[in-house]
Amino acid sequence: MDQTRALLEMYADRGPAWRAAIEAGHDMSLVEQAMHRTFEQRIEDLQRAIDSLAALREAVIERAAAERRTPDATH
């Protein structure tokens, strides 16, 4: 069973807006999970995601700088 069909069955009683969202490709189980978390918990989750992306960005910048300092032997 594909994910869309599974979600449609899982949330069959949620009404036409949820059905339309699922059919458009939205994973409404994530919405369902978020509704059980407090505002503060959701903000903490978002801050962790922001921090992870900032660390990833910094690592990419550092790697690019290191590659510029080290000439490539193939060139």
C-alpha atoms as a PDB file:
ATOM      1  CA  MET A   1       0.000   0.000   0.000  1.00  0.00           C
ATOM      2  CA  ASP A   2       1.466   3.372  -0.904  1.00  0.00           C
ATOM      3  CA  GLN A   3       1.799   6.193   1.620  1.00  0.00           C
ATOM      4  CA  THR A   4      -1.020   8.301   0.177  1.00  0.00           C
ATOM      5  CA  ARG A   5      -3.509   5.461   0.395  1.00  0.00           C
ATOM      6  CA  ALA A   6      -2.372   4.602   3.918  1.00  0.00           C
ATOM      7  CA  LEU A   7      -2.782   8.215   5.043  1.00  0.00           C
ATOM      8  CA  LEU A   8      -6.197   8.472   3.395  1.00  0.00           C
ATOM      9  CA  GLU A   9      -7.328   5.407   5.318  1.00  0.00           C
ATOM     10  CA  MET A  10      -5.744   6.570   8.567  1.00  0.00           C
ATOM     11  CA  TYR A  11      -7.410   9.989   8.407  1.00  0.00           C
ATOM     12  CA  ALA A  12     -10.640   9.079   6.613  1.00  0.00           C
ATOM     13  CA  ASP A  13     -12.716  10.773   9.318  1.00  0.00           C
ATOM     14  CA  ARG A  14     -10.869  14.124   9.157  1.00  0.00           C
ATOM     15  CA  GLY A  15     -12.894  15.636   6.334  1.00  0.00           C
ATOM     16  CA  PRO A  16     -12.350  16.996   2.844  1.00  0.00           C
ATOM     17  CA  ALA A  17      -9.584  19.496   3.707  1.00  0.00           C
ATOM     18  CA  TRP A  18      -7.357  16.773   5.109  1.00  0.00           C
ATOM     19  CA  ARG A  19      -8.179  14.495   2.173  1.00  0.00           C
ATOM     20  CA  ALA A  20      -7.220  17.256  -0.281  1.00  0.00           C
ATOM     21  CA  ALA A  21      -3.977  17.908   1.595  1.00  0.00           C
ATOM     22  CA  ILE A  22      -3.061  14.208   1.571  1.00  0.00           C
ATOM     23  CA  GLU A  23      -3.891  13.896  -2.115  1.00  0.00           C
ATOM     24  CA  ALA A  24      -1.670  16.945  -2.767  1.00  0.00           C
ATOM     25  CA  GLY A  25       1.213  15.025  -1.186  1.00  0.00           C
ATOM     26  CA  HIS A  26       1.243  16.393   2.360  1.00  0.00           C
ATOM     27  CA  ASP A  27       2.063  13.953   5.151  1.00  0.00           C
ATOM     28  CA  MET A  28      -0.662  14.888   7.592  1.00  0.00           C
ATOM     29  CA  SER A  29       0.766  12.552  10.220  1.00  0.00           C
ATOM     30  CA  LEU A  30       3.384  15.277  10.784  1.00  0.00           C
ATOM     31  CA  VAL A  31       0.605  17.796  11.390  1.00  0.00           C
ATOM     32  CA  GLU A  32      -1.040  15.343  13.749  1.00  0.00           C
ATOM     33  CA  GLN A  33       2.203  14.934  15.713  1.00  0.00           C
ATOM     34  CA  ALA A  34       2.761  18.693  15.876  1.00  0.00           C
ATOM     35  CA  MET A  35      -0.721  19.235  17.304  1.00  0.00           C
ATOM     36  CA  HIS A  36       0.241  17.119  20.316  1.00  0.00           C
ATOM     37  CA  ARG A  37       3.285  19.282  21.107  1.00  0.00           C
ATOM     38  CA  THR A  38       3.281  22.587  22.913  1.00  0.00           C
ATOM     39  CA  PHE A  39       4.246  25.822  21.210  1.00  0.00           C
ATOM     40  CA  GLU A  40       7.507  25.828  23.181  1.00  0.00           C
ATOM     41  CA  GLN A  41       8.326  22.268  22.072  1.00  0.00           C
ATOM     42  CA  ARG A  42       7.723  23.173  18.435  1.00  0.00           C
ATOM     43  CA  ILE A  43       9.946  26.256  18.769  1.00  0.00           C
ATOM     44  CA  GLU A  44      12.688  24.104  20.337  1.00  0.00           C
ATOM     45  CA  ASP A  45      12.418  21.654  17.413  1.00  0.00           C
ATOM     46  CA  LEU A  46      12.703  24.500  14.924  1.00  0.00           C
ATOM     47  CA  GLN A  47      15.694  25.980  16.752  1.00  0.00           C
ATOM     48  CA  ARG A  48      17.469  22.601  16.664  1.00  0.00           C
ATOM     49  CA  ALA A  49      16.820  22.411  12.917  1.00  0.00           C
ATOM     50  CA  ILE A  50      18.169  25.947  12.440  1.00  0.00           C
ATOM     51  CA  ASP A  51      21.257  25.124  14.507  1.00  0.00           C
ATOM     52  CA  SER A  52      21.867  21.960  12.463  1.00  0.00           C
ATOM     53  CA  LEU A  53      21.576  23.848   9.191  1.00  0.00           C
ATOM     54  CA  ALA A  54      23.935  26.560  10.455  1.00  0.00           C
ATOM     55  CA  ALA A  55      26.502  23.911  11.445  1.00  0.00           C
ATOM     56  CA  LEU A  56      26.157  22.233   8.051  1.00  0.00           C
ATOM     57  CA  ARG A  57      26.594  25.566   6.279  1.00  0.00           C
ATOM     58  CA  GLU A  58      29.714  26.317   8.320  1.00  0.00           C
ATOM     59  CA  ALA A  59      31.162  22.881   7.515  1.00  0.00           C
ATOM     60  CA  VAL A  60      30.566  23.418   3.793  1.00  0.00           C
ATOM     61  CA  ILE A  61      32.228  26.838   3.945  1.00  0.00           C
ATOM     62  CA  GLU A  62      35.214  25.417   5.849  1.00  0.00           C
ATOM     63  CA  ARG A  63      35.604  22.539   3.410  1.00  0.00           C
ATOM     64  CA  ALA A  64      35.453  24.872   0.403  1.00  0.00           C
ATOM     65  CA  ALA A  65      38.109  27.077   1.994  1.00  0.00           C
ATOM     66  CA  ALA A  66      40.326  24.055   2.699  1.00  0.00           C
ATOM     67  CA  GLU A  67      39.962  22.871  -0.896  1.00  0.00           C
ATOM     68  CA  ARG A  68      41.007  26.307  -2.160  1.00  0.00           C
ATOM     69  CA  ARG A  69      44.128  26.150   0.032  1.00  0.00           C
ATOM     70  CA  THR A  70      45.042  22.659  -1.207  1.00  0.00           C
ATOM     71  CA  PRO A  71      45.696  22.528  -4.954  1.00  0.00           C
ATOM     72  CA  ASP A  72      44.053  19.610  -6.719  1.00  0.00           C
ATOM     73  CA  ALA A  73      46.654  17.219  -8.125  1.00  0.00           C
ATOM     74  CA  THR A  74      44.549  16.601 -11.236  1.00  0.00           C
ATOM     75  CA  HIS A  75      44.799  20.230 -12.465  1.00  0.00           C
END
